[in-house]
PDB file of N, CA and C in Angstrom:
ATOM      1  N   MET A   1      -8.500  10.189  -1.416  1.00  0.00           N
ATOM      2  CA  MET A   1      -9.181  11.542  -1.330  1.00  0.00           C
ATOM      3  C   MET A   1      -9.016  11.983  -3.268  1.00  0.00           C
ATOM      4  N   LEU A   2      -9.039  12.933  -4.224  1.00  0.00           N
ATOM      5  CA  LEU A   2      -9.089  12.548  -5.477  1.00  0.00           C
ATOM      6  C   LEU A   2      -8.485  14.108  -5.105  1.00  0.00           C
ATOM      7  N   LYS A   3      -6.981  14.531  -5.802  1.00  0.00           N
ATOM      8  CA  LYS A   3      -6.272  15.463  -6.557  1.00  0.00           C
ATOM      9  C   LYS A   3      -6.118  16.055  -7.777  1.00  0.00           C
ATOM     10  N   ARG A   4      -6.068  17.180  -7.950  1.00  0.00           N
ATOM     11  CA  ARG A   4      -6.812  17.016  -9.752  1.00  0.00           C
ATOM     12  C   ARG A   4      -5.065  17.896 -10.102  1.00  0.00           C
ATOM     13  N   TYR A   5      -4.220  17.058 -11.813  1.00  0.00           N
ATOM     14  CA  TYR A   5      -3.232  16.951 -11.857  1.00  0.00           C
ATOM     15  C   TYR A   5      -3.226  17.590 -13.238  1.00  0.00           C
ATOM     16  N   GLN A   6      -2.743  18.904 -14.103  1.00  0.00           N
ATOM     17  CA  GLN A   6      -2.923  18.493 -15.689  1.00  0.00           C
ATOM     18  C   GLN A   6      -2.229  17.883 -16.240  1.00  0.00           C
ATOM     19  N   VAL A   7      -2.548  17.223 -17.330  1.00  0.00           N
ATOM     20  CA  VAL A   7      -1.287  15.684 -17.967  1.00  0.00           C
ATOM     21  C   VAL A   7      -2.256  16.282 -19.334  1.00  0.00           C
ATOM     22  N   LEU A   8      -1.095  16.535 -20.561  1.00  0.00           N
ATOM     23  CA  LEU A   8      -0.918  16.671 -21.632  1.00  0.00           C
ATOM     24  C   LEU A   8      -1.254  15.201 -22.620  1.00  0.00           C
ATOM     25  N   LEU A   9      -2.352  15.458 -23.563  1.00  0.00           N
ATOM     26  CA  LEU A   9      -2.146  13.481 -23.623  1.00  0.00           C
ATOM     27  C   LEU A   9      -2.202  14.444 -25.503  1.00  0.00           C
ATOM     28  N   SER A  10      -1.968  12.567 -25.819  1.00  0.00           N
ATOM     29  CA  SER A  10      -2.007  13.095 -27.210  1.00  0.00           C
ATOM     30  C   SER A  10      -3.107  13.205 -27.771  1.00  0.00           C
ATOM     31  N   ASP A  11      -3.676  13.536 -29.100  1.00  0.00           N
ATOM     32  CA  ASP A  11      -5.137  13.119 -29.091  1.00  0.00           C
ATOM     33  C   ASP A  11      -5.482  11.841 -29.797  1.00  0.00           C
ATOM     34  N   TRP A  12      -4.901  10.864 -30.055  1.00  0.00           N
ATOM     35  CA  TRP A  12      -4.943   9.451 -30.471  1.00  0.00           C
ATOM     36  C   TRP A  12      -5.576   8.478 -28.684  1.00  0.00           C
ATOM     37  N   ILE A  13      -4.315   9.307 -27.474  1.00  0.00           N
ATOM     38  CA  ILE A  13      -5.246   9.053 -26.398  1.00  0.00           C
ATOM     39  C   ILE A  13      -6.575   9.597 -25.658  1.00  0.00           C
ATOM     40  N   ASP A  14      -6.702  11.399 -26.157  1.00  0.00           N
ATOM     41  CA  ASP A  14      -7.947  11.636 -26.365  1.00  0.00           C
ATOM     42  C   ASP A  14      -9.003  11.089 -26.522  1.00  0.00           C
ATOM     43  N   ASP A  15      -8.596  10.057 -27.801  1.00  0.00           N
ATOM     44  CA  ASP A  15      -9.720   9.720 -28.489  1.00  0.00           C
ATOM     45  C   ASP A  15     -10.340   8.716 -28.119  1.00  0.00           C
ATOM     46  N   TYR A  16      -9.419   7.507 -27.425  1.00  0.00           N
ATOM     47  CA  TYR A  16      -9.966   6.625 -27.257  1.00  0.00           C
ATOM     48  C   TYR A  16     -10.552   6.357 -25.811  1.00  0.00           C
ATOM     49  N   ILE A  17     -10.494   7.708 -24.739  1.00  0.00           N
ATOM     50  CA  ILE A  17     -10.770   8.178 -23.109  1.00  0.00           C
ATOM     51  C   ILE A  17     -12.105   8.128 -24.068  1.00  0.00           C
ATOM     52  N   LYS A  18     -12.207   8.173 -24.690  1.00  0.00           N
ATOM     53  CA  LYS A  18     -14.169   9.401 -25.846  1.00  0.00           C
ATOM     54  C   LYS A  18     -14.542   8.363 -25.317  1.00  0.00           C
ATOM     55  N   LEU A  19     -14.318   7.507 -25.956  1.00  0.00           N
ATOM     56  CA  LEU A  19     -14.642   5.659 -26.682  1.00  0.00           C
ATOM     57  C   LEU A  19     -14.727   5.311 -25.250  1.00  0.00           C
ATOM     58  N   LEU A  20     -14.193   5.051 -25.123  1.00  0.00           N
ATOM     59  CA  LEU A  20     -14.658   4.227 -23.445  1.00  0.00           C
ATOM     60  C   LEU A  20     -15.663   4.766 -22.296  1.00  0.00           C
ATOM     61  N   SER A  21     -15.398   6.111 -22.168  1.00  0.00           N
ATOM     62  CA  SER A  21     -15.995   7.105 -21.134  1.00  0.00           C
ATOM     63  C   SER A  21     -17.589   6.838 -22.507  1.00  0.00           C
ATOM     64  N   GLU A  22     -18.001   6.805 -23.289  1.00  0.00           N
ATOM     65  CA  GLU A  22     -19.432   7.371 -24.113  1.00  0.00           C
ATOM     66  C   GLU A  22     -19.545   5.380 -23.120  1.00  0.00           C
ATOM     67  N   ARG A  23     -18.747   4.563 -24.432  1.00  0.00           N
ATOM     68  CA  ARG A  23     -19.667   3.227 -24.102  1.00  0.00           C
ATOM     69  C   ARG A  23     -19.981   2.771 -22.775  1.00  0.00           C
ATOM     70  N   TYR A  24     -18.498   2.954 -21.960  1.00  0.00           N
ATOM     71  CA  TYR A  24     -20.128   2.714 -20.325  1.00  0.00           C
ATOM     72  C   TYR A  24     -19.940   4.035 -19.229  1.00  0.00           C
ATOM     73  N   ASP A  25     -20.427   4.510 -20.036  1.00  0.00           N
ATOM     74  CA  ASP A  25     -21.089   5.962 -19.550  1.00  0.00           C
ATOM     75  C   ASP A  25     -20.189   6.162 -18.467  1.00  0.00           C
ATOM     76  N   ILE A  26     -18.852   6.725 -17.952  1.00  0.00           N
ATOM     77  CA  ILE A  26     -18.247   6.835 -17.439  1.00  0.00           C
ATOM     78  C   ILE A  26     -17.613   8.272 -17.468  1.00  0.00           C
ATOM     79  N   SER A  27     -17.189   9.370 -16.523  1.00  0.00           N
ATOM     80  CA  SER A  27     -17.065   9.476 -17.001  1.00  0.00           C
ATOM     81  C   SER A  27     -15.158   9.766 -17.659  1.00  0.00           C
ATOM     82  N   SER A  28     -14.845  10.870 -18.444  1.00  0.00           N
ATOM     83  CA  SER A  28     -12.919  10.608 -19.171  1.00  0.00           C
ATOM     84  C   SER A  28     -11.914  10.469 -17.627  1.00  0.00           C
ATOM     85  N   SER A  29     -12.117  10.501 -16.812  1.00  0.00           N
ATOM     86  CA  SER A  29     -11.228  10.610 -15.446  1.00  0.00           C
ATOM     87  C   SER A  29     -11.658   9.219 -14.680  1.00  0.00           C
ATOM     88  N   ALA A  30     -12.687   9.556 -14.552  1.00  0.00           N
ATOM     89  CA  ALA A  30     -12.767   7.025 -14.245  1.00  0.00           C
ATOM     90  C   ALA A  30     -12.069   6.227 -15.198  1.00  0.00           C
ATOM     91  N   VAL A  31     -12.445   6.787 -15.909  1.00  0.00           N
ATOM     92  CA  VAL A  31     -11.575   5.338 -16.873  1.00  0.00           C
ATOM     93  C   VAL A  31      -9.389   6.646 -17.045  1.00  0.00           C
ATOM     94  N   ILE A  32      -9.553   7.216 -17.394  1.00  0.00           N
ATOM     95  CA  ILE A  32      -8.191   7.669 -16.781  1.00  0.00           C
ATOM     96  C   ILE A  32      -7.956   6.867 -15.517  1.00  0.00           C
ATOM     97  N   ARG A  33      -7.814   7.227 -14.830  1.00  0.00           N
ATOM     98  CA  ARG A  33      -7.673   6.025 -13.428  1.00  0.00           C
ATOM     99  C   ARG A  33      -7.355   5.206 -13.111  1.00  0.00           C
ATOM    100  N   SER A  34      -8.428   4.681 -14.253  1.00  0.00           N
ATOM    101  CA  SER A  34      -7.917   2.518 -13.889  1.00  0.00           C
ATOM    102  C   SER A  34      -7.566   2.641 -14.867  1.00  0.00           C
ATOM    103  N   HIS A  35      -6.836   3.441 -16.258  1.00  0.00           N
ATOM    104  CA  HIS A  35      -6.276   2.543 -17.065  1.00  0.00           C
ATOM    105  C   HIS A  35      -4.555   2.639 -16.944  1.00  0.00           C
ATOM    106  N   MET A  36      -4.616   3.859 -15.290  1.00  0.00           N
ATOM    107  CA  MET A  36      -3.367   4.084 -15.062  1.00  0.00           C
ATOM    108  C   MET A  36      -2.582   2.924 -13.649  1.00  0.00           C
ATOM    109  N   ALA A  37      -4.224   2.868 -13.010  1.00  0.00           N
ATOM    110  CA  ALA A  37      -3.835   1.348 -12.000  1.00  0.00           C
ATOM    111  C   ALA A  37      -3.850   0.508 -12.786  1.00  0.00           C
ATOM    112  N   LEU A  38      -4.680   0.857 -13.832  1.00  0.00           N
ATOM    113  CA  LEU A  38      -3.958  -1.485 -14.567  1.00  0.00           C
ATOM    114  C   LEU A  38      -2.285  -1.387 -14.964  1.00  0.00           C
ATOM    115  N   GLY A  39      -1.749  -0.105 -15.439  1.00  0.00           N
ATOM    116  CA  GLY A  39      -0.206   0.159 -15.223  1.00  0.00           C
ATOM    117  C   GLY A  39       0.381   0.455 -14.489  1.00  0.00           C
ATOM    118  N   ILE A  40       0.291   0.515 -12.759  1.00  0.00           N
ATOM    119  CA  ILE A  40       0.983   0.361 -11.481  1.00  0.00           C
ATOM    120  C   ILE A  40       0.291  -1.432 -11.868  1.00  0.00           C
ATOM    121  N   ILE A  41      -0.453  -1.392 -11.538  1.00  0.00           N
ATOM    122  CA  ILE A  41      -0.551  -2.924 -11.271  1.00  0.00           C
ATOM    123  C   ILE A  41       0.310  -4.467 -12.209  1.00  0.00           C
ATOM    124  N   PHE A  42       0.674  -3.912 -13.779  1.00  0.00           N
ATOM    125  CA  PHE A  42       1.158  -4.810 -14.568  1.00  0.00           C
ATOM    126  C   PHE A  42       2.371  -4.236 -13.966  1.00  0.00           C
ATOM    127  N   VAL A  43       3.412  -2.538 -14.022  1.00  0.00           N
ATOM    128  CA  VAL A  43       4.638  -2.269 -13.469  1.00  0.00           C
ATOM    129  C   VAL A  43       5.102  -3.148 -12.311  1.00  0.00           C
ATOM    130  N   ILE A  44       4.278  -2.736 -11.324  1.00  0.00           N
ATOM    131  CA  ILE A  44       4.377  -3.745  -9.584  1.00  0.00           C
ATOM    132  C   ILE A  44       4.835  -5.056  -9.750  1.00  0.00           C
ATOM    133  N   LYS A  45       3.515  -6.063 -11.043  1.00  0.00           N
ATOM    134  CA  LYS A  45       3.883  -7.549 -11.382  1.00  0.00           C
ATOM    135  C   LYS A  45       5.119  -7.339 -11.723  1.00  0.00           C
ATOM    136  N   THR A  46       5.742  -7.180 -12.201  1.00  0.00           N
ATOM    137  CA  THR A  46       7.000  -6.911 -13.292  1.00  0.00           C
ATOM    138  C   THR A  46       8.187  -6.835 -12.470  1.00  0.00           C
ATOM    139  N   LEU A  47       8.330  -6.325 -11.763  1.00  0.00           N
ATOM    140  CA  LEU A  47       8.789  -5.134 -10.480  1.00  0.00           C
ATOM    141  C   LEU A  47       9.488  -6.476  -9.621  1.00  0.00           C
ATOM    142  N   HIS A  48       8.100  -6.735  -8.999  1.00  0.00           N
ATOM    143  CA  HIS A  48       8.202  -7.686  -7.816  1.00  0.00           C
ATOM    144  C   HIS A  48       6.937  -9.293  -8.230  1.00  0.00           C
ATOM    145  N   PRO A  49       7.699  -9.941  -8.341  1.00  0.00           N
ATOM    146  CA  PRO A  49       7.304 -11.711  -9.137  1.00  0.00           C
ATOM    147  C   PRO A  49       6.482 -12.211  -7.909  1.00  0.00           C
ATOM    148  N   GLU A  50       7.378 -11.877  -6.780  1.00  0.00           N
ATOM    149  CA  GLU A  50       6.183 -12.370  -5.774  1.00  0.00           C
ATOM    150  C   GLU A  50       5.225 -11.291  -4.854  1.00  0.00           C
ATOM    151  N   TYR A  51       4.851 -10.333  -6.108  1.00  0.00           N
ATOM    152  CA  TYR A  51       3.543  -9.578  -5.437  1.00  0.00           C
ATOM    153  C   TYR A  51       2.411 -10.517  -5.642  1.00  0.00           C
ATOM    154  N   ARG A  52       1.519 -10.401  -4.829  1.00  0.00           N
ATOM    155  CA  ARG A  52       0.364 -11.598  -4.861  1.00  0.00           C
ATOM    156  C   ARG A  52      -1.030 -10.552  -5.461  1.00  0.00           C
ATOM    157  N   GLN A  53      -1.771 -10.738  -5.758  1.00  0.00           N
ATOM    158  CA  GLN A  53      -3.263  -9.750  -6.199  1.00  0.00           C
ATOM    159  C   GLN A  53      -3.917 -10.944  -6.139  1.00  0.00           C
ATOM    160  N   ASN A  54      -5.170 -10.193  -5.744  1.00  0.00           N
ATOM    161  CA  ASN A  54      -6.533 -10.547  -5.425  1.00  0.00           C
ATOM    162  C   ASN A  54      -7.526 -10.646  -6.712  1.00  0.00           C
ATOM    163  N   LEU A  55      -7.531  -9.944  -7.676  1.00  0.00           N
ATOM    164  CA  LEU A  55      -7.714  -9.947  -8.434  1.00  0.00           C
ATOM    165  C   LEU A  55      -7.078 -10.697  -9.948  1.00  0.00           C
ATOM    166  N   GLU A  56      -8.078 -11.771  -9.558  1.00  0.00           N
ATOM    167  CA  GLU A  56      -6.748 -13.123 -10.848  1.00  0.00           C
ATOM    168  C   GLU A  56      -6.723 -12.441 -11.656  1.00  0.00           C
ATOM    169  N   ASP A  57      -6.396 -13.195 -13.129  1.00  0.00           N
ATOM    170  CA  ASP A  57      -5.444 -13.152 -14.314  1.00  0.00           C
ATOM    171  C   ASP A  57      -6.893 -12.642 -15.131  1.00  0.00           C
ATOM    172  N   LYS A  58      -6.936 -14.435 -14.662  1.00  0.00           N
ATOM    173  CA  LYS A  58      -9.028 -15.274 -15.391  1.00  0.00           C
ATOM    174  C   LYS A  58      -9.789 -14.712 -15.011  1.00  0.00           C
ATOM    175  N   GLU A  59      -9.619 -13.467 -13.924  1.00  0.00           N
ATOM    176  CA  GLU A  59     -10.758 -13.093 -13.430  1.00  0.00           C
ATOM    177  C   GLU A  59     -11.402 -11.869 -14.181  1.00  0.00           C
ATOM    178  N   PHE A  60      -9.902 -11.109 -13.945  1.00  0.00           N
ATOM    179  CA  PHE A  60      -9.979  -9.909 -15.057  1.00  0.00           C
ATOM    180  C   PHE A  60      -9.891 -10.092 -16.775  1.00  0.00           C
ATOM    181  N   HIS A  61      -9.214 -10.764 -16.917  1.00  0.00           N
ATOM    182  CA  HIS A  61      -9.393 -11.302 -18.904  1.00  0.00           C
ATOM    183  C   HIS A  61     -11.622 -12.033 -18.986  1.00  0.00           C
ATOM    184  N   GLU A  62     -11.697 -12.474 -18.460  1.00  0.00           N
ATOM    185  CA  GLU A  62     -13.250 -12.737 -18.531  1.00  0.00           C
ATOM    186  C   GLU A  62     -14.015 -11.822 -18.774  1.00  0.00           C
ATOM    187  N   LEU A  63     -13.481 -10.662 -17.364  1.00  0.00           N
ATOM    188  CA  LEU A  63     -14.244  -8.899 -17.054  1.00  0.00           C
ATOM    189  C   LEU A  63     -14.638  -8.667 -18.054  1.00  0.00           C
ATOM    190  N   ALA A  64     -13.132  -7.402 -18.484  1.00  0.00           N
ATOM    191  CA  ALA A  64     -12.222  -7.428 -20.460  1.00  0.00           C
ATOM    192  C   ALA A  64     -13.357  -7.991 -21.529  1.00  0.00           C
ATOM    193  N   LYS A  65     -12.894  -8.975 -21.110  1.00  0.00           N
ATOM    194  CA  LYS A  65     -13.725  -9.587 -23.023  1.00  0.00           C
ATOM    195  C   LYS A  65     -15.373  -9.536 -23.065  1.00  0.00           C
ATOM    196  N   LYS A  66     -16.335  -9.812 -21.682  1.00  0.00           N
ATOM    197  CA  LYS A  66     -17.382  -8.956 -21.535  1.00  0.00           C
ATOM    198  C   LYS A  66     -17.314  -7.070 -21.195  1.00  0.00           C
ATOM    199  N   ALA A  67     -16.535  -6.653 -21.331  1.00  0.00           N
ATOM    200  CA  ALA A  67     -15.876  -5.358 -21.085  1.00  0.00           C
ATOM    201  C   ALA A  67     -16.272  -4.909 -22.809  1.00  0.00           C
ATOM    202  N   ALA A  68     -15.341  -5.771 -23.647  1.00  0.00           N
ATOM    203  CA  ALA A  68     -15.244  -5.518 -24.919  1.00  0.00           C
ATOM    204  C   ALA A  68     -16.576  -6.178 -26.433  1.00  0.00           C
ATOM    205  N   LYS A  69     -17.504  -6.686 -25.560  1.00  0.00           N
ATOM    206  CA  LYS A  69     -18.404  -7.075 -26.153  1.00  0.00           C
ATOM    207  C   LYS A  69     -20.057  -6.283 -25.779  1.00  0.00           C
ATOM    208  N   GLY A  70     -19.621  -5.182 -25.304  1.00  0.00           N
ATOM    209  CA  GLY A  70     -20.839  -4.584 -24.152  1.00  0.00           C
ATOM    210  C   GLY A  70     -21.772  -5.447 -23.687  1.00  0.00           C
ATOM    211  N   ILE A  71     -21.431  -6.243 -22.644  1.00  0.00           N
ATOM    212  CA  ILE A  71     -22.261  -7.169 -21.642  1.00  0.00           C
ATOM    213  C   ILE A  71     -22.275  -7.356 -20.486  1.00  0.00           C
ATOM    214  N   LEU A  72     -21.357  -5.974 -20.419  1.00  0.00           N
ATOM    215  CA  LEU A  72     -20.942  -5.960 -18.614  1.00  0.00           C
ATOM    216  C   LEU A  72     -22.245  -4.657 -18.202  1.00  0.00           C
ATOM    217  N   ASP A  73     -22.692  -4.788 -16.879  1.00  0.00           N
ATOM    218  CA  ASP A  73     -23.756  -3.763 -16.523  1.00  0.00           C
ATOM    219  C   ASP A  73     -23.394  -2.603 -15.483  1.00  0.00           C
ATOM    220  N   GLU A  74     -24.045  -1.946 -15.581  1.00  0.00           N
ATOM    221  CA  GLU A  74     -23.388  -0.733 -14.975  1.00  0.00           C
ATOM    222  C   GLU A  74     -22.533  -0.534 -13.433  1.00  0.00           C
ATOM    223  N   ALA A  75     -23.795  -2.274 -13.477  1.00  0.00           N
ATOM    224  CA  ALA A  75     -23.498  -2.278 -11.449  1.00  0.00           C
ATOM    225  C   ALA A  75     -21.725  -3.314 -11.929  1.00  0.00           C
ATOM    226  N   GLU A  76     -21.365  -3.626 -12.711  1.00  0.00           N
ATOM    227  CA  GLU A  76     -20.386  -4.842 -12.913  1.00  0.00           C
ATOM    228  C   GLU A  76     -19.552  -3.528 -13.615  1.00  0.00           C
ATOM    229  N   VAL A  77     -18.946  -2.692 -14.106  1.00  0.00           N
ATOM    230  CA  VAL A  77     -18.104  -2.250 -14.613  1.00  0.00           C
ATOM    231  C   VAL A  77     -17.773  -1.006 -13.382  1.00  0.00           C
ATOM    232  N   HIS A  78     -18.618  -0.519 -12.327  1.00  0.00           N
ATOM    233  CA  HIS A  78     -18.205  -0.305 -11.461  1.00  0.00           C
ATOM    234  C   HIS A  78     -17.315  -1.406 -10.371  1.00  0.00           C
ATOM    235  N   GLN A  79     -17.892  -2.132 -10.405  1.00  0.00           N
ATOM    236  CA  GLN A  79     -17.308  -3.041  -9.538  1.00  0.00           C
ATOM    237  C   GLN A  79     -15.934  -3.826  -9.885  1.00  0.00           C
ATOM    238  N   LEU A  80     -15.714  -4.033 -11.520  1.00  0.00           N
ATOM    239  CA  LEU A  80     -14.973  -3.730 -11.708  1.00  0.00           C
ATOM    240  C   LEU A  80     -13.479  -2.617 -11.613  1.00  0.00           C
ATOM    241  N   GLN A  81     -14.229  -1.396 -12.161  1.00  0.00           N
ATOM    242  CA  GLN A  81     -13.341  -0.428 -11.226  1.00  0.00           C
ATOM    243  C   GLN A  81     -12.523   0.155  -9.657  1.00  0.00           C
ATOM    244  N   SER A  82     -13.572  -0.227  -8.883  1.00  0.00           N
ATOM    245  CA  SER A  82     -13.231  -0.709  -7.242  1.00  0.00           C
ATOM    246  C   SER A  82     -11.858  -1.434  -6.944  1.00  0.00           C
ATOM    247  N   LYS A  83     -12.198  -2.763  -7.915  1.00  0.00           N
ATOM    248  CA  LYS A  83     -11.621  -3.616  -8.235  1.00  0.00           C
ATOM    249  C   LYS A  83      -9.793  -3.399  -8.376  1.00  0.00           C
ATOM    250  N   ILE A  84     -10.199  -3.175  -9.574  1.00  0.00           N
ATOM    251  CA  ILE A  84      -8.909  -2.467 -10.510  1.00  0.00           C
ATOM    252  C   ILE A  84      -8.176  -1.594  -9.319  1.00  0.00           C
ATOM    253  N   LEU A  85      -8.733  -0.430  -8.613  1.00  0.00           N
ATOM    254  CA  LEU A  85      -8.163   0.718  -8.031  1.00  0.00           C
ATOM    255  C   LEU A  85      -8.080   0.146  -7.318  1.00  0.00           C
ATOM    256  N   PHE A  86      -8.533  -0.775  -5.774  1.00  0.00           N
ATOM    257  CA  PHE A  86      -7.658  -1.076  -4.497  1.00  0.00           C
ATOM    258  C   PHE A  86      -6.208  -1.795  -5.001  1.00  0.00           C
ATOM    259  N   GLU A  87      -6.768  -3.035  -6.380  1.00  0.00           N
ATOM    260  CA  GLU A  87      -5.835  -3.795  -5.826  1.00  0.00           C
ATOM    261  C   GLU A  87      -3.451  -3.176  -6.735  1.00  0.00           C
ATOM    262  N   ALA A  88      -4.632  -1.532  -7.389  1.00  0.00           N
ATOM    263  CA  ALA A  88      -3.636  -1.134  -8.033  1.00  0.00           C
ATOM    264  C   ALA A  88      -2.991   0.054  -6.445  1.00  0.00           C
ATOM    265  N   ARG A  89      -4.056   0.263  -5.482  1.00  0.00           N
ATOM    266  CA  ARG A  89      -3.256   0.630  -4.246  1.00  0.00           C
ATOM    267  C   ARG A  89      -2.498  -0.218  -3.642  1.00  0.00           C
ATOM    268  N   LYS A  90      -3.278  -1.645  -3.362  1.00  0.00           N
ATOM    269  CA  LYS A  90      -1.743  -2.366  -2.896  1.00  0.00           C
ATOM    270  C   LYS A  90      -0.848  -2.461  -3.100  1.00  0.00           C
ATOM    271  N   ALA A  91      -1.025  -2.698  -4.410  1.00  0.00           N
ATOM    272  CA  ALA A  91       0.916  -2.347  -5.350  1.00  0.00           C
ATOM    273  C   ALA A  91       1.323  -1.292  -4.578  1.00  0.00           C
ATOM    274  N   ALA A  92       0.797  -0.476  -5.274  1.00  0.00           N
ATOM    275  CA  ALA A  92       1.973   1.836  -4.954  1.00  0.00           C
ATOM    276  C   ALA A  92       2.215   1.055  -3.025  1.00  0.00           C
ATOM    277  N   GLU A  93       1.172   0.008  -2.606  1.00  0.00           N
ATOM    278  CA  GLU A  93       1.644   0.618  -1.639  1.00  0.00           C
ATOM    279  C   GLU A  93       2.752  -0.680  -0.765  1.00  0.00           C
ATOM    280  N   LEU A  94       3.543  -1.392  -1.318  1.00  0.00           N
ATOM    281  CA  LEU A  94       3.981  -2.468  -1.322  1.00  0.00           C
ATOM    282  C   LEU A  94       5.487  -1.301  -2.390  1.00  0.00           C
ATOM    283  N   ARG A  95       5.701  -0.906  -3.796  1.00  0.00           N
ATOM    284  CA  ARG A  95       6.087  -0.452  -3.691  1.00  0.00           C
ATOM    285  C   ARG A  95       6.633   1.073  -3.470  1.00  0.00           C
ATOM    286  N   LEU A  96       5.617   1.689  -2.314  1.00  0.00           N
ATOM    287  CA  LEU A  96       6.064   2.755  -1.656  1.00  0.00           C
ATOM    288  C   LEU A  96       7.092   1.895  -0.353  1.00  0.00           C
ATOM    289  N   SER A  97       6.188   1.020   0.357  1.00  0.00           N
ATOM    290  CA  SER A  97       6.931   0.272   1.587  1.00  0.00           C
ATOM    291  C   SER A  97       8.008   0.172   1.755  1.00  0.00           C
ATOM    292  N   MET A  98       8.683  -0.654   0.678  1.00  0.00           N
ATOM    293  CA  MET A  98       9.690  -1.352  -0.344  1.00  0.00           C
ATOM    294  C   MET A  98      11.003  -0.107  -0.433  1.00  0.00           C
ATOM    295  N   SER A  99      10.691   1.122  -1.043  1.00  0.00           N
ATOM    296  CA  SER A  99      11.326   2.593  -1.321  1.00  0.00           C
ATOM    297  C   SER A  99      11.662   2.585   0.131  1.00  0.00           C
ATOM    298  N   GLU A 100      10.527   2.730   0.818  1.00  0.00           N
ATOM    299  CA  GLU A 100      11.402   3.401   2.348  1.00  0.00           C
ATOM    300  C   GLU A 100      11.947   1.916   3.178  1.00  0.00           C
ATOM    301  N   LEU A 101      12.704   1.622   3.173  1.00  0.00           N
ATOM    302  CA  LEU A 101      13.039   0.893   3.252  1.00  0.00           C
ATOM    303  C   LEU A 101      14.175   0.390   2.710  1.00  0.00           C
ATOM    304  N   GLN A 102      14.368   0.595   2.271  1.00  0.00           N
ATOM    305  CA  GLN A 102      15.636   1.167   0.515  1.00  0.00           C
ATOM    306  C   GLN A 102      16.469   1.973   1.777  1.00  0.00           C
ATOM    307  N   LYS A 103      15.317   3.111   1.879  1.00  0.00           N
ATOM    308  CA  LYS A 103      16.720   4.352   2.466  1.00  0.00           C
ATOM    309  C   LYS A 103      16.985   4.420   3.025  1.00  0.00           C
ATOM    310  N   LYS A 104      16.057   3.329   4.309  1.00  0.00           N
ATOM    311  CA  LYS A 104      16.549   3.398   5.563  1.00  0.00           C
ATOM    312  C   LYS A 104      18.315   2.340   6.024  1.00  0.00           C
ATOM    313  N   LYS A 105      17.920   1.608   4.524  1.00  0.00           N
ATOM    314  CA  LYS A 105      19.762   0.951   4.872  1.00  0.00           C
ATOM    315  C   LYS A 105      20.517   1.882   3.938  1.00  0.00           C
TER     316      LYS A 105
END
């Protein structure tokens, strides 16, 4: 389920979102969701080195390189977005469950 938020962004972030949105023909919201998900994955991997993700760093780097060269087709872009969002959800659920355990102590 998606929820609506109002977020203020700097001009440079807006410019970057517009660039990616136009380049990959996806909505600005999808760009923001994907980048927030990547941030979630990065932070949780940093805080919890024991966390293991299914999206291997090597696989992600290869897809990112293809994306940078503009050789990802529409299906690959959506597949990458799905993988990123799935992994971020798993990471966030892990973090939330750990927070709940700490509250009970």
